[in-house]
Amino acid sequence: MTDPKLPILIAGSPGSPYTRKMLAVLRYRRLPYRFVHASKVRDKLPAPKVALLPTFYFPDETGALAPMTDSSPIIRRLEREHAGRSVIPADPALALIDALIEDYGDEWLTKAMFHYRWSFADDIAKSATVLPNWFGKPLTDAELKAMGDNFAARQIGRLGYVGSNSVTATTIEASYKRLLAILDRHFAHHPFLLGNQPGAGDFALYGQLTQLALFDPTPMAEAAAMAPRVIAWSHVIEDLSGEDTTGWVDLRALPTTVTSLLGEIGRTYVPLLLANAFAVQGRADRVSTVIDGRVWEQAPFPYQAKCLAALRAQYEALTPGERARVNHALSGTGCGALFTDD
């Protein structure tokens, strides 16, 4: 159990969407924390099994700090250990919708973030020259160039792993632009996605948008041209510690823009989740499917198979009445395929 009076130690980076996601969650929930750049504690604290950002350090049963990564389980741990200002809807059926949006932000929208950052010359140049300076260590011009070149080469080499290539580029970019349009319409009438308070899904989208809409030149220009409300919202949600508005939407009366968002999820992320799970289960070396009418191929991603299993487990835990409300909300969006055997 985390002592609510002690600051939570979090190691991360401003260039990490998940770090930004979790810092915004901590601020909204008014939980004390101490943030350090990951590079400064790498040799001083226990290493996580998988080196991911951010890393939270919680005291174990002996009082020693133990690392924990993966933002979604961390959010749920914080919910169990700290009362008030929840980012998980009290209605289990609405909570599943929020979890689906969170998963989409974390696992699909991040493809757009990675694609734009490392596929366009202006974006590569900005990231290669700015991101190394976020390590908090003064760098000479020569050091900065060497570090930036090495970092860019390594990240560009990972594009295929996340699914960004010459075949999938059109699908990724079209999906990002549709999302901007949906969110800009939504924020014309609503402060957050599922009511008058932010859910985990809001923070997941925000994390990726800190890079897409606020940092990287190409997707930032797209946002400026077609979604100014999204830019403003991304700035606002960064620190909601002073906001006191509360209240979740009734799942039976979802805004049409949320239904449109679920339709975008069903159009893109759902077919990838299903194809990836099939590939992982069959131990295939490639995921091959069709997304938005175009071929999609990438390496299998076991973690996303776990994401699908977690969503299905959450669905199965619902009562029949709750499942009926979820099914109604997902009707026509394509997301229902996640929870059927068809």
Protein backbone atom coordinates (compact mmCIF):
# COMPACT_ATOMS: atom_id res chain seq x y z
CA MET A 1 0.00 0.00 0.00
CA THR A 2 1.35 3.39 -0.99
CA ASP A 3 1.52 5.98 1.79
CA PRO A 4 -0.82 8.75 0.53
CA LYS A 5 1.30 11.38 2.28
CA LEU A 6 4.53 10.48 0.51
CA PRO A 7 5.25 11.59 -3.05
CA ILE A 8 5.16 8.87 -5.69
CA LEU A 9 8.48 8.55 -7.49
CA ILE A 10 8.10 8.49 -11.26
CA ALA A 11 10.92 8.27 -13.80
CA GLY A 12 10.16 9.28 -17.36
CA SER A 13 10.75 11.76 -20.15
CA PRO A 14 8.86 14.72 -21.66
CA GLY A 15 9.13 13.00 -25.06
CA SER A 16 7.24 9.95 -23.78
CA PRO A 17 3.46 10.15 -24.39
CA TYR A 18 2.87 7.71 -21.54
CA THR A 19 4.94 9.82 -19.15
CA ARG A 20 2.84 12.85 -20.05
CA LYS A 21 -0.33 10.78 -19.68
CA MET A 22 0.56 9.70 -16.17
CA LEU A 23 1.81 13.09 -14.98
CA ALA A 24 -1.53 14.57 -16.05
CA VAL A 25 -3.38 11.80 -14.16
CA LEU A 26 -1.38 12.52 -11.01
CA ARG A 27 -2.04 16.26 -11.27
CA TYR A 28 -5.77 15.76 -11.82
CA ARG A 29 -6.02 13.36 -8.91
CA ARG A 30 -3.94 15.72 -6.74
CA LEU A 31 -1.56 12.93 -5.77
CA PRO A 32 1.88 14.06 -4.59
CA TYR A 33 4.68 12.91 -6.85
CA ARG A 34 8.36 13.43 -7.55
CA PHE A 35 9.38 13.33 -11.20
CA VAL A 36 12.93 12.60 -12.39
CA HIS A 37 14.28 11.97 -15.86
CA ALA A 38 14.77 8.23 -16.35
CA SER A 39 18.41 8.66 -17.34
CA LYS A 40 19.24 10.08 -13.91
CA VAL A 41 18.04 7.06 -11.93
CA ARG A 42 18.85 4.24 -14.33
CA ASP A 43 21.79 3.01 -12.26
CA LYS A 44 20.42 4.03 -8.87
CA LEU A 45 17.05 2.26 -8.66
CA PRO A 46 15.88 -1.29 -9.42
CA ALA A 47 15.39 -1.86 -13.13
CA PRO A 48 11.96 -2.97 -14.37
CA LYS A 49 11.70 -6.27 -16.25
CA VAL A 50 10.95 -4.28 -19.41
CA ALA A 51 12.48 -0.83 -19.75
CA LEU A 52 9.39 1.29 -20.42
CA LEU A 53 8.52 4.91 -19.68
CA PRO A 54 7.28 5.97 -17.30
CA THR A 55 8.46 3.76 -14.46
CA PHE A 56 6.71 4.19 -11.12
CA TYR A 57 8.47 3.14 -7.93
CA PHE A 58 6.15 1.86 -5.21
CA PRO A 59 7.31 0.55 -1.83
CA ASP A 60 6.96 -3.22 -1.53
CA GLU A 61 6.09 -5.15 1.63
CA THR A 62 9.59 -4.53 3.00
CA GLY A 63 9.51 -0.82 2.23
CA ALA A 64 11.98 -1.13 -0.64
CA LEU A 65 11.11 0.62 -3.90
CA ALA A 66 9.87 -1.73 -6.62
CA PRO A 67 9.48 -0.63 -10.26
CA MET A 68 6.16 -0.81 -12.09
CA THR A 69 5.55 0.07 -15.72
CA ASP A 70 2.49 0.05 -18.02
CA SER A 71 0.26 3.05 -17.51
CA SER A 72 -3.12 1.27 -17.51
CA PRO A 73 -2.40 -1.08 -14.57
CA ILE A 74 -0.74 1.81 -12.73
CA ILE A 75 -3.91 3.90 -13.09
CA ARG A 76 -5.96 1.05 -11.63
CA ARG A 77 -3.51 0.59 -8.75
CA LEU A 78 -3.76 4.28 -7.95
CA GLU A 79 -7.55 3.96 -8.02
CA ARG A 80 -7.42 1.17 -5.43
CA GLU A 81 -4.98 2.97 -3.15
CA HIS A 82 -6.22 6.57 -3.35
CA ALA A 83 -9.83 7.67 -3.02
CA GLY A 84 -11.42 10.64 -4.74
CA ARG A 85 -11.22 12.30 -8.16
CA SER A 86 -11.46 8.96 -9.94
CA VAL A 87 -10.59 8.63 -13.62
CA ILE A 88 -12.53 5.36 -13.93
CA PRO A 89 -16.33 5.67 -14.36
CA ALA A 90 -18.35 4.19 -11.50
CA ASP A 91 -20.69 2.46 -13.96
CA PRO A 92 -18.87 -0.76 -15.00
CA ALA A 93 -20.44 -0.63 -18.46
CA LEU A 94 -19.22 2.93 -19.07
CA ALA A 95 -15.86 1.96 -17.57
CA LEU A 96 -15.47 -0.63 -20.33
CA ILE A 97 -16.08 2.03 -22.97
CA ASP A 98 -13.49 4.22 -21.26
CA ALA A 99 -11.02 1.31 -21.17
CA LEU A 100 -11.54 0.69 -24.89
CA ILE A 101 -10.82 4.35 -25.68
CA GLU A 102 -7.76 4.25 -23.41
CA ASP A 103 -6.47 1.16 -25.16
CA TYR A 104 -7.02 2.76 -28.57
CA GLY A 105 -5.04 5.82 -27.51
CA ASP A 106 -2.21 3.80 -26.02
CA GLU A 107 -1.93 1.17 -28.73
CA TRP A 108 -3.28 2.61 -32.00
CA LEU A 109 -2.80 6.38 -31.80
CA THR A 110 0.79 5.81 -30.75
CA LYS A 111 1.37 4.37 -34.23
CA ALA A 112 0.53 7.78 -35.66
CA MET A 113 2.85 9.45 -33.15
CA PHE A 114 5.75 7.17 -34.05
CA HIS A 115 4.99 7.29 -37.79
CA TYR A 116 4.90 11.08 -38.06
CA ARG A 117 7.93 11.61 -35.84
CA TRP A 118 10.25 9.30 -37.75
CA SER A 119 8.91 9.41 -41.33
CA PHE A 120 9.16 13.10 -42.25
CA ALA A 121 12.36 15.11 -42.60
CA ASP A 122 11.24 18.11 -40.52
CA ASP A 123 9.94 15.89 -37.74
CA ILE A 124 13.08 13.76 -37.66
CA ALA A 125 15.25 16.87 -37.53
CA LYS A 126 13.30 18.41 -34.66
CA SER A 127 13.23 15.24 -32.59
CA ALA A 128 16.89 14.45 -33.22
CA THR A 129 17.97 17.90 -32.03
CA VAL A 130 15.48 18.50 -29.19
CA LEU A 131 14.87 15.13 -27.53
CA PRO A 132 18.50 14.45 -26.52
CA ASN A 133 18.52 17.73 -24.59
CA TRP A 134 15.64 16.46 -22.44
CA PHE A 135 18.07 14.14 -20.69
CA GLY A 136 19.01 17.13 -18.56
CA LYS A 137 22.71 16.95 -19.39
CA PRO A 138 24.42 19.86 -21.17
CA LEU A 139 25.56 18.81 -24.64
CA THR A 140 28.07 20.40 -26.97
CA ASP A 141 27.10 20.72 -30.63
CA ALA A 142 29.20 17.67 -31.48
CA GLU A 143 27.70 15.59 -28.67
CA LEU A 144 24.18 16.65 -29.62
CA LYS A 145 24.69 15.73 -33.26
CA ALA A 146 26.16 12.32 -32.43
CA MET A 147 23.46 11.50 -29.90
CA GLY A 148 20.68 12.80 -32.16
CA ASP A 149 21.90 10.89 -35.19
CA ASN A 150 22.18 7.64 -33.23
CA PHE A 151 18.78 8.10 -31.61
CA ALA A 152 17.07 8.90 -34.91
CA ALA A 153 18.66 5.91 -36.65
CA ARG A 154 17.55 3.58 -33.88
CA GLN A 155 13.97 4.89 -33.87
CA ILE A 156 13.63 4.93 -37.66
CA GLY A 157 14.75 1.30 -37.60
CA ARG A 158 11.80 0.48 -35.34
CA LEU A 159 9.13 1.92 -37.67
CA GLY A 160 8.34 -1.47 -39.16
CA TYR A 161 7.89 -3.00 -35.74
CA VAL A 162 5.08 -0.60 -34.84
CA GLY A 163 3.46 -1.04 -38.25
CA SER A 164 4.58 2.10 -40.08
CA ASN A 165 5.74 1.44 -43.64
CA SER A 166 5.07 2.60 -47.19
CA VAL A 167 1.95 0.43 -47.40
CA THR A 168 0.37 1.41 -44.06
CA ALA A 169 1.31 5.11 -44.12
CA THR A 170 -1.90 6.19 -45.86
CA THR A 171 -4.04 4.28 -43.36
CA ILE A 172 -2.24 5.79 -40.36
CA GLU A 173 -2.40 9.36 -41.66
CA ALA A 174 -6.06 9.13 -42.73
CA SER A 175 -7.00 7.72 -39.33
CA TYR A 176 -5.22 10.56 -37.51
CA LYS A 177 -7.02 13.20 -39.57
CA ARG A 178 -10.41 11.57 -38.98
CA LEU A 179 -9.69 11.50 -35.25
CA LEU A 180 -8.83 15.21 -35.27
CA ALA A 181 -12.12 15.99 -36.99
CA ILE A 182 -14.13 13.89 -34.54
CA LEU A 183 -12.47 15.39 -31.47
CA ASP A 184 -12.76 18.95 -32.74
CA ARG A 185 -16.53 18.47 -33.19
CA HIS A 186 -16.76 16.84 -29.76
CA PHE A 187 -14.91 19.57 -27.89
CA ALA A 188 -17.20 22.18 -29.41
CA HIS A 189 -19.84 20.93 -26.95
CA HIS A 190 -18.16 18.77 -24.29
CA PRO A 191 -15.14 19.32 -22.00
CA PHE A 192 -14.12 15.66 -21.89
CA LEU A 193 -14.98 12.44 -23.68
CA LEU A 194 -17.44 10.82 -21.28
CA GLY A 195 -18.92 13.64 -19.26
CA ASN A 196 -17.81 16.58 -17.16
CA GLN A 197 -14.74 14.84 -15.78
CA PRO A 198 -11.84 13.14 -17.55
CA GLY A 199 -11.49 9.38 -17.78
CA ALA A 200 -8.46 7.24 -18.43
CA GLY A 201 -9.36 7.44 -22.12
CA ASP A 202 -8.98 11.22 -22.08
CA PHE A 203 -5.51 10.95 -20.60
CA ALA A 204 -4.47 8.25 -23.09
CA LEU A 205 -5.44 10.42 -26.06
CA TYR A 206 -3.86 13.45 -24.41
CA GLY A 207 -0.54 11.63 -23.97
CA GLN A 208 -0.20 10.92 -27.67
CA LEU A 209 -1.50 14.38 -28.61
CA THR A 210 1.24 16.07 -26.56
CA GLN A 211 3.52 14.88 -29.32
CA LEU A 212 1.20 14.81 -32.35
CA ALA A 213 -0.59 18.13 -31.80
CA LEU A 214 1.93 20.00 -29.67
CA PHE A 215 5.43 18.99 -30.77
CA ASP A 216 6.01 17.20 -34.08
CA PRO A 217 5.77 19.64 -37.02
CA THR A 218 3.79 17.60 -39.57
CA PRO A 219 0.92 16.32 -37.39
CA MET A 220 0.95 19.61 -35.45
CA ALA A 221 0.29 21.48 -38.71
CA GLU A 222 -2.60 19.12 -39.45
CA ALA A 223 -4.09 19.84 -36.03
CA ALA A 224 -3.66 23.60 -36.45
CA ALA A 225 -5.40 23.49 -39.82
CA MET A 226 -8.40 21.38 -38.89
CA ALA A 227 -8.68 20.96 -35.11
CA PRO A 228 -7.78 24.06 -33.06
CA ARG A 229 -9.97 22.85 -30.19
CA VAL A 230 -7.85 19.70 -29.93
CA ILE A 231 -4.71 21.79 -29.53
CA ALA A 232 -6.35 23.91 -26.83
CA TRP A 233 -7.76 20.84 -25.05
CA SER A 234 -4.36 19.19 -25.01
CA HIS A 235 -2.88 22.22 -23.27
CA VAL A 236 -5.75 22.41 -20.77
CA ILE A 237 -5.75 18.75 -19.75
CA GLU A 238 -2.06 18.88 -18.90
CA ASP A 239 -2.92 20.30 -15.47
CA LEU A 240 -6.47 19.86 -14.19
CA SER A 241 -5.50 20.03 -10.53
CA GLY A 242 -7.70 23.09 -10.03
CA GLU A 243 -10.78 21.70 -11.79
CA ASP A 244 -13.67 20.46 -9.67
CA THR A 245 -16.34 19.61 -12.25
CA THR A 246 -17.69 16.06 -11.94
CA GLY A 247 -20.25 13.80 -13.55
CA TRP A 248 -20.18 11.00 -16.07
CA VAL A 249 -22.36 10.73 -19.15
CA ASP A 250 -25.22 8.20 -19.19
CA LEU A 251 -24.10 5.33 -21.41
CA ARG A 252 -27.61 5.23 -22.89
CA ALA A 253 -27.17 8.81 -24.10
CA LEU A 254 -23.65 8.93 -25.52
CA PRO A 255 -22.88 12.03 -27.60
CA THR A 256 -22.93 11.28 -31.31
CA THR A 257 -19.28 12.31 -31.44
CA VAL A 258 -18.34 9.57 -28.98
CA THR A 259 -20.21 7.08 -31.15
CA SER A 260 -18.18 8.42 -34.09
CA LEU A 261 -15.00 7.89 -32.07
CA LEU A 262 -16.03 4.32 -31.34
CA GLY A 263 -16.69 3.91 -35.06
CA GLU A 264 -13.15 5.07 -35.79
CA ILE A 265 -11.84 2.56 -33.25
CA GLY A 266 -13.90 -0.19 -34.90
CA ARG A 267 -12.65 0.85 -38.31
CA THR A 268 -8.95 0.70 -37.46
CA TYR A 269 -7.88 -0.66 -34.10
CA VAL A 270 -10.39 -3.50 -33.77
CA PRO A 271 -9.34 -5.37 -36.95
CA LEU A 272 -5.71 -4.99 -35.90
CA LEU A 273 -6.40 -6.36 -32.41
CA LEU A 274 -8.22 -9.37 -33.81
CA ALA A 275 -5.64 -10.13 -36.51
CA ASN A 276 -2.77 -9.68 -34.06
CA ALA A 277 -4.34 -12.03 -31.52
CA PHE A 278 -4.83 -14.63 -34.26
CA ALA A 279 -1.19 -14.29 -35.31
CA VAL A 280 0.12 -14.47 -31.75
CA GLN A 281 -2.01 -17.52 -30.98
CA GLY A 282 -0.81 -19.24 -34.15
CA ARG A 283 2.79 -18.15 -33.58
CA ALA A 284 2.86 -16.56 -37.01
CA ASP A 285 5.74 -14.30 -37.92
CA ARG A 286 3.51 -11.67 -39.56
CA VAL A 287 0.18 -9.99 -38.90
CA SER A 288 -1.68 -9.67 -42.20
CA THR A 289 -5.10 -8.08 -42.44
CA VAL A 290 -7.08 -5.32 -44.15
CA ILE A 291 -7.71 -2.05 -42.31
CA ASP A 292 -9.86 0.67 -43.83
CA GLY A 293 -9.78 -1.10 -47.19
CA ARG A 294 -5.99 -1.31 -47.33
CA VAL A 295 -3.49 -4.07 -46.65
CA TRP A 296 -1.88 -3.93 -43.21
CA GLU A 297 1.18 -5.97 -42.30
CA GLN A 298 3.45 -5.82 -39.29
CA ALA A 299 5.22 -8.06 -36.80
CA PRO A 300 2.97 -9.68 -34.15
CA PHE A 301 2.81 -7.80 -30.88
CA PRO A 302 2.14 -10.13 -27.90
CA TYR A 303 1.32 -7.22 -25.60
CA GLN A 304 -1.64 -6.21 -27.74
CA ALA A 305 -2.96 -9.77 -27.49
CA LYS A 306 -2.94 -9.20 -23.73
CA CYS A 307 -4.82 -5.94 -24.26
CA LEU A 308 -7.57 -7.78 -26.09
CA ALA A 309 -7.73 -10.46 -23.39
CA ALA A 310 -8.03 -7.76 -20.71
CA LEU A 311 -10.88 -6.01 -22.52
CA ARG A 312 -12.70 -9.30 -22.98
CA ALA A 313 -12.24 -10.21 -19.32
CA GLN A 314 -13.66 -6.84 -18.31
CA TYR A 315 -16.64 -7.43 -20.62
CA GLU A 316 -17.26 -10.92 -19.25
CA ALA A 317 -17.24 -9.56 -15.69
CA LEU A 318 -20.25 -7.36 -16.47
CA THR A 319 -23.76 -8.36 -15.51
CA PRO A 320 -26.13 -9.31 -18.35
CA GLY A 321 -27.79 -5.92 -18.07
CA GLU A 322 -24.47 -4.10 -18.22
CA ARG A 323 -23.37 -6.13 -21.23
CA ALA A 324 -26.64 -5.25 -22.96
CA ARG A 325 -25.94 -1.54 -22.46
CA VAL A 326 -22.41 -1.94 -23.79
CA ASN A 327 -23.67 -3.89 -26.80
CA HIS A 328 -26.20 -1.16 -27.54
CA ALA A 329 -23.55 1.56 -27.29
CA LEU A 330 -21.21 -0.35 -29.61
CA SER A 331 -23.90 -1.29 -32.14
CA GLY A 332 -22.87 -0.26 -35.64
CA THR A 333 -19.37 0.85 -34.60
CA GLY A 334 -17.51 -2.35 -35.41
CA CYS A 335 -16.24 -2.60 -31.82
CA GLY A 336 -18.71 -5.35 -30.93
CA ALA A 337 -16.50 -7.80 -32.84
CA LEU A 338 -14.10 -7.70 -29.90
CA PHE A 339 -16.64 -9.46 -27.70
CA THR A 340 -18.25 -11.98 -30.05
CA ASP A 341 -17.06 -15.29 -31.47
CA ASP A 342 -18.22 -14.47 -34.98
